[in-house]
Protein backbone atom coordinates (compact mmCIF):
# COMPACT_ATOMS: atom_id res chain seq x y z
CA MET A 1 56.00 -10.91 4.19
CA GLU A 2 55.56 -12.25 7.68
CA ASN A 3 54.76 -8.77 8.78
CA ASN A 4 52.04 -8.50 6.14
CA LEU A 5 50.52 -11.80 7.17
CA TYR A 6 50.41 -10.76 10.78
CA GLU A 7 48.83 -7.49 9.91
CA ASN A 8 46.12 -9.19 7.85
CA THR A 9 45.39 -11.62 10.63
CA TYR A 10 45.17 -8.85 13.15
CA CYS A 11 42.95 -6.77 10.91
CA GLY A 12 40.63 -9.73 10.38
CA THR A 13 40.30 -10.28 14.09
CA GLU A 14 39.60 -6.61 14.69
CA LEU A 15 37.01 -6.64 11.94
CA LYS A 16 35.23 -9.60 13.47
CA GLN A 17 35.24 -7.97 16.88
CA ALA A 18 33.91 -4.75 15.38
CA LYS A 19 31.09 -6.61 13.63
CA LYS A 20 30.29 -8.51 16.81
CA LEU A 21 30.21 -5.28 18.79
CA GLN A 22 28.02 -3.66 16.14
CA ALA A 23 25.62 -6.62 16.31
CA GLU A 24 25.49 -6.39 20.12
CA ILE A 25 24.80 -2.67 19.87
CA LEU A 26 21.97 -3.29 17.39
CA GLN A 27 20.55 -6.02 19.59
CA THR A 28 20.77 -3.76 22.62
CA ASN A 29 19.02 -0.95 20.70
CA GLU A 30 16.21 -3.30 19.67
CA LYS A 31 15.80 -4.48 23.27
CA VAL A 32 15.74 -0.89 24.51
CA THR A 33 13.23 0.02 21.83
CA THR A 34 11.02 -2.98 22.73
CA GLU A 35 11.19 -2.17 26.44
CA SER A 36 10.45 1.47 25.63
CA ASN A 37 7.41 0.43 23.58
CA ASN A 38 6.21 -1.90 26.35
CA THR A 39 6.66 0.85 28.90
CA SER A 40 4.76 3.24 26.64
CA ASN A 41 1.89 0.74 26.18
CA THR A 42 1.73 0.11 29.94
CA SER A 43 1.54 3.83 30.56
CA LYS A 44 -1.26 4.17 28.05
CA VAL A 45 -3.21 1.35 29.71
CA LYS A 46 -2.71 2.93 33.12
CA LEU A 47 -3.80 6.30 31.76
CA ILE A 48 -6.95 4.82 30.19
CA ALA A 49 -7.74 2.96 33.43
CA LEU A 50 -7.29 6.15 35.43
CA MET A 51 -9.57 8.06 33.06
CA CYS A 52 -12.23 5.32 33.38
CA ILE A 53 -11.99 5.48 37.18
CA ILE A 54 -12.34 9.26 37.14
CA THR A 55 -15.33 9.02 34.75
CA LEU A 56 -17.07 6.40 36.92
CA LEU A 57 -16.39 8.47 40.00
CA GLY A 58 -17.90 11.52 38.31
CA ILE A 59 -20.99 9.53 37.25
CA SER A 60 -21.33 8.18 40.79
CA ILE A 61 -21.17 11.67 42.24
CA VAL A 62 -23.79 12.95 39.78
CA MET A 63 -26.11 10.00 40.49
CA THR A 64 -25.73 10.55 44.24
CA ILE A 65 -26.64 14.22 43.88
CA LEU A 66 -29.67 13.36 41.71
CA TYR A 67 -30.78 10.67 44.20
CA LEU A 68 -30.55 13.08 47.12
CA GLN A 69 -32.53 15.69 45.21
CA LYS A 70 -35.18 13.11 44.26
CA SER A 71 -35.40 11.84 47.84
CA LYS A 72 -35.93 15.36 49.10
CA GLN A 73 -38.65 15.94 46.52
CA LEU A 74 -40.38 12.68 47.50
CA GLU A 75 -40.16 13.57 51.18
CA GLN A 76 -41.75 16.95 50.51
CA ALA A 77 -44.46 15.27 48.39
CA ASN A 78 -45.19 12.76 51.17
CA LEU A 79 -45.45 15.53 53.73
CA LEU A 80 -47.84 17.39 51.46
CA GLN A 81 -49.89 14.24 50.83
CA ASN A 82 -50.07 13.42 54.54
CA SER A 83 -51.19 16.95 55.28
CA SER A 84 -53.84 16.64 52.55
CA ILE A 85 -55.03 13.28 53.90
CA GLY A 86 -55.24 14.67 57.41
CA PHE A 87 -57.27 17.59 56.14
CA GLU A 88 -59.57 15.27 54.18
CA LYS A 89 -60.06 13.11 57.27
CA GLU A 90 -61.08 16.17 59.22
CA LEU A 91 -63.58 17.02 56.50
CA ILE A 92 -64.88 13.44 56.14
CA GLN A 93 -65.07 12.64 59.85
CA PRO A 94 -68.43 14.37 60.38
CA GLU A 95 -69.82 12.54 57.32
CA VAL A 96 -68.52 9.20 58.66
CA LYS A 97 -70.14 9.88 62.00
CA ALA A 98 -73.36 10.72 60.21
CA ALA A 99 -73.11 7.56 58.09
CA ASN A 100 -72.58 5.49 61.22
CA LEU A 101 -75.84 6.72 62.71
CA PRO A 102 -78.00 4.17 60.83
CA ARG A 103 -75.63 1.40 61.97
CA ASP A 104 -75.96 2.59 65.54
CA GLN A 105 -79.72 2.68 65.16
CA ILE A 106 -79.73 -0.87 63.78
CA SER A 107 -77.57 -2.02 66.69
CA LEU A 108 -79.93 -0.37 69.17
CA GLN A 109 -82.92 -1.95 67.43
CA MET A 110 -81.31 -5.37 67.66
CA GLN A 111 -80.57 -4.86 71.36
CA LEU A 112 -84.14 -3.69 71.91
CA LYS A 113 -85.51 -6.74 70.11
CA GLN A 114 -83.31 -9.01 72.20
CA ALA A 115 -84.52 -7.34 75.41
CA GLN A 116 -88.14 -7.61 74.27
CA TRP A 117 -87.65 -11.26 73.39
CA GLU A 118 -86.21 -11.99 76.84
CA ILE A 119 -89.14 -10.21 78.48
CA GLU A 120 -91.61 -12.19 76.38
CA GLN A 121 -89.90 -15.46 77.21
CA PHE A 122 -90.11 -14.55 80.90
CA ASN A 123 -93.80 -13.63 80.54
CA SER A 124 -94.51 -16.82 78.63
CA ARG A 125 -93.00 -18.89 81.40
CA LEU A 126 -95.06 -16.99 83.94
CA GLN A 127 -98.09 -18.06 81.92
CA GLY A 128 -96.79 -21.60 81.73
CA LYS A 129 -96.27 -21.32 77.93
CA CYS A 130 -93.01 -21.82 76.00
CA CYS A 131 -91.71 -21.53 72.44
CA PRO A 132 -88.98 -23.43 70.59
CA PRO A 133 -85.53 -21.76 70.53
CA GLY A 134 -85.43 -18.89 68.04
CA TRP A 135 -89.20 -18.32 68.16
CA ASP A 136 -90.87 -15.20 69.62
CA PHE A 137 -93.82 -15.41 72.00
CA LEU A 138 -97.12 -13.50 71.97
CA SER A 139 -99.80 -15.34 73.83
CA PRO A 140 -101.03 -17.78 72.82
CA SER A 141 -98.68 -18.27 69.83
CA CYS A 142 -95.05 -18.56 68.85
CA TYR A 143 -93.63 -16.79 65.75
CA TYR A 144 -90.63 -17.58 63.59
CA PHE A 145 -89.16 -14.91 61.26
CA THR A 146 -87.02 -16.39 58.47
CA THR A 147 -84.08 -14.73 56.75
CA SER A 148 -84.09 -16.82 53.55
CA SER A 149 -86.46 -16.27 50.60
CA GLU A 150 -88.94 -18.64 48.94
CA ASN A 151 -92.20 -18.47 46.99
CA TRP A 152 -95.46 -18.51 48.95
CA PHE A 153 -96.13 -22.25 48.54
CA ASN A 154 -92.61 -23.30 49.57
CA ALA A 155 -92.82 -20.95 52.53
CA GLN A 156 -96.06 -22.59 53.69
CA THR A 157 -94.49 -26.04 53.21
CA HIS A 158 -91.52 -25.02 55.34
CA CYS A 159 -93.80 -23.77 58.09
CA ALA A 160 -95.72 -27.07 58.00
CA SER A 161 -92.45 -28.94 58.51
CA LEU A 162 -92.08 -26.95 61.75
CA SER A 163 -95.61 -27.89 62.92
CA SER A 164 -96.84 -24.41 62.05
CA ASP A 165 -98.44 -22.33 59.26
CA LEU A 166 -97.81 -19.00 57.66
CA VAL A 167 -98.87 -16.36 60.16
CA VAL A 168 -102.57 -15.53 60.54
CA ILE A 169 -103.02 -11.95 61.80
CA LYS A 170 -106.20 -11.62 63.83
CA GLY A 171 -105.94 -8.27 65.55
CA ALA A 172 -104.11 -4.99 66.16
CA GLU A 173 -101.92 -6.40 68.94
CA GLU A 174 -100.63 -9.17 66.69
CA GLN A 175 -100.15 -6.74 63.76
CA GLU A 176 -98.12 -4.40 65.96
CA PHE A 177 -96.11 -7.28 67.43
CA ILE A 178 -95.12 -8.50 63.97
CA ASN A 179 -94.18 -5.01 62.79
CA LYS A 180 -91.84 -4.62 65.76
CA ARG A 181 -90.20 -8.02 65.24
CA LYS A 182 -89.71 -8.04 61.47
CA ILE A 183 -86.68 -6.61 59.70
CA HIS A 184 -87.87 -3.28 58.35
CA ASP A 185 -86.20 -3.52 54.93
CA GLN A 186 -87.64 -7.00 54.33
CA LEU A 187 -90.95 -8.21 52.86
CA TYR A 188 -92.57 -11.28 54.47
CA TRP A 189 -95.15 -13.70 53.24
CA ILE A 190 -98.20 -14.02 55.48
CA GLY A 191 -100.82 -16.78 55.41
CA LEU A 192 -103.33 -14.87 53.25
CA THR A 193 -104.35 -15.79 49.68
CA ASP A 194 -107.20 -15.67 47.16
CA ASN A 195 -105.68 -18.54 45.20
CA GLU A 196 -108.88 -20.63 45.45
CA VAL A 197 -111.43 -17.95 44.52
CA GLU A 198 -110.35 -14.68 42.95
CA SER A 199 -110.92 -11.67 45.24
CA THR A 200 -111.99 -13.90 48.15
CA TRP A 201 -109.05 -13.57 50.50
CA LYS A 202 -108.69 -16.28 53.12
CA TRP A 203 -106.19 -17.17 55.80
CA VAL A 204 -104.49 -20.55 55.70
CA ASP A 205 -106.73 -21.65 58.60
CA GLY A 206 -109.74 -21.20 56.29
CA SER A 207 -111.07 -18.02 57.91
CA LEU A 208 -111.90 -14.92 55.87
CA CYS A 209 -109.52 -12.00 55.71
CA SER A 210 -111.95 -9.78 57.65
CA SER A 211 -112.45 -12.28 60.45
CA SER A 212 -110.11 -10.52 62.87
CA SER A 213 -111.19 -9.89 66.43
CA ASP A 214 -111.92 -6.24 65.69
CA GLY A 215 -112.76 -6.61 62.00
CA THR A 216 -109.70 -4.54 61.03
CA VAL A 217 -107.60 -5.32 57.98
CA TYR A 218 -104.30 -3.70 57.10
CA TRP A 219 -104.32 -3.56 53.31
CA TYR A 220 -102.47 -0.63 51.81
CA LYS A 221 -104.74 1.82 49.99
CA SER A 222 -105.79 0.47 46.57
CA GLN A 223 -104.71 -3.02 47.74
CA PRO A 224 -105.38 -5.79 46.88
CA ASN A 225 -105.60 -4.97 43.19
CA GLY A 226 -104.26 -8.07 41.42
CA GLN A 227 -102.37 -5.78 39.04
CA PRO A 228 -100.31 -5.75 36.91
CA LEU A 229 -99.92 -9.54 37.25
CA ASP A 230 -101.92 -12.34 38.78
CA GLU A 231 -101.30 -11.45 42.41
CA ASP A 232 -102.92 -14.05 44.65
CA CYS A 233 -100.73 -14.07 47.77
CA ALA A 234 -100.14 -11.43 50.44
CA VAL A 235 -97.03 -9.97 52.03
CA ILE A 236 -96.56 -7.65 54.96
CA TYR A 237 -94.78 -4.67 53.43
CA LEU A 238 -91.96 -2.43 54.67
CA ASP A 239 -94.38 -0.08 56.40
CA GLY A 240 -96.38 -2.96 57.91
CA SER A 241 -99.30 -2.73 55.46
CA TRP A 242 -100.50 -5.70 53.38
CA HIS A 243 -99.90 -5.98 49.62
CA ASP A 244 -100.83 -8.65 47.09
CA PHE A 245 -97.99 -10.18 45.03
CA PRO A 246 -97.58 -13.04 42.55
CA CYS A 247 -97.29 -16.23 44.58
CA ASP A 248 -94.11 -17.29 42.76
CA SER A 249 -92.24 -14.19 43.99
CA LYS A 250 -89.56 -14.91 46.58
CA PHE A 251 -89.65 -13.28 50.00
CA ALA A 252 -88.94 -14.13 53.61
CA TRP A 253 -91.85 -15.48 55.63
CA ILE A 254 -93.31 -15.72 59.13
CA CYS A 255 -94.45 -18.99 60.67
CA GLU A 256 -96.93 -19.24 63.57
CA ARG A 257 -97.65 -22.12 65.91
CA PRO A 258 -99.36 -22.50 69.30
CA ALA A 259 -97.14 -22.12 72.35
CA TYR A 260 -96.72 -25.33 74.34
CA THR A 261 -96.88 -25.96 78.06
CA CYS A 262 -93.55 -25.49 79.76
CA PHE A 263 -92.02 -28.34 81.71
CA SER A 264 -90.05 -27.34 84.78
């Protein structure tokens, strides 16, 4: 009986140990399985990351190739454009030179006017006569050519404020002098009007239009005609001839005053 009891006790202990070992084996298997799964997941993540890197690298390479091709195309286009511009410049250069001719002529005209003005000032001083700054001299008068525009009456008022009147042209020398001094694309009021009596043209000094030293007048053909509007005031035109215009038109004007005695 003792032997049976011992055997049962021993068998129970062995059974417990076997169950414990089985549980440890199961636990170990689960741990191995978990670690295997984790390792597998890590490998998958690494593989995906590697594939992304390779894809990005491929895209980068393709973009670089496209950029280089585009840059080369742009460079070729710029070279072609520069060649075209250079060719156009060669074609346009003669036209530009031709277009600059009027500017050169204007510059020469201005220099000539300045030289003439200096000569006149010298001559006026030799004669003992002087003009205010900015006025031109032709014995015995001084002349001021404006650059602004006003109607005839305001122009005469402005001249009066400068101790002068709108210019009175009394001969060929004065007519030629004014034509040389005026700006050729500008119309100027002169001191001639028939505002008091229609068709009776008088200068602002009260003398008749035909009272010049040689009896010459410089009306353009068919002028004055008073048409198509009421044209009672005179301008000196682009070509130097006289034309009648409405007095409320706005043009530049020419003032005239006597030269004064110079003081040394």
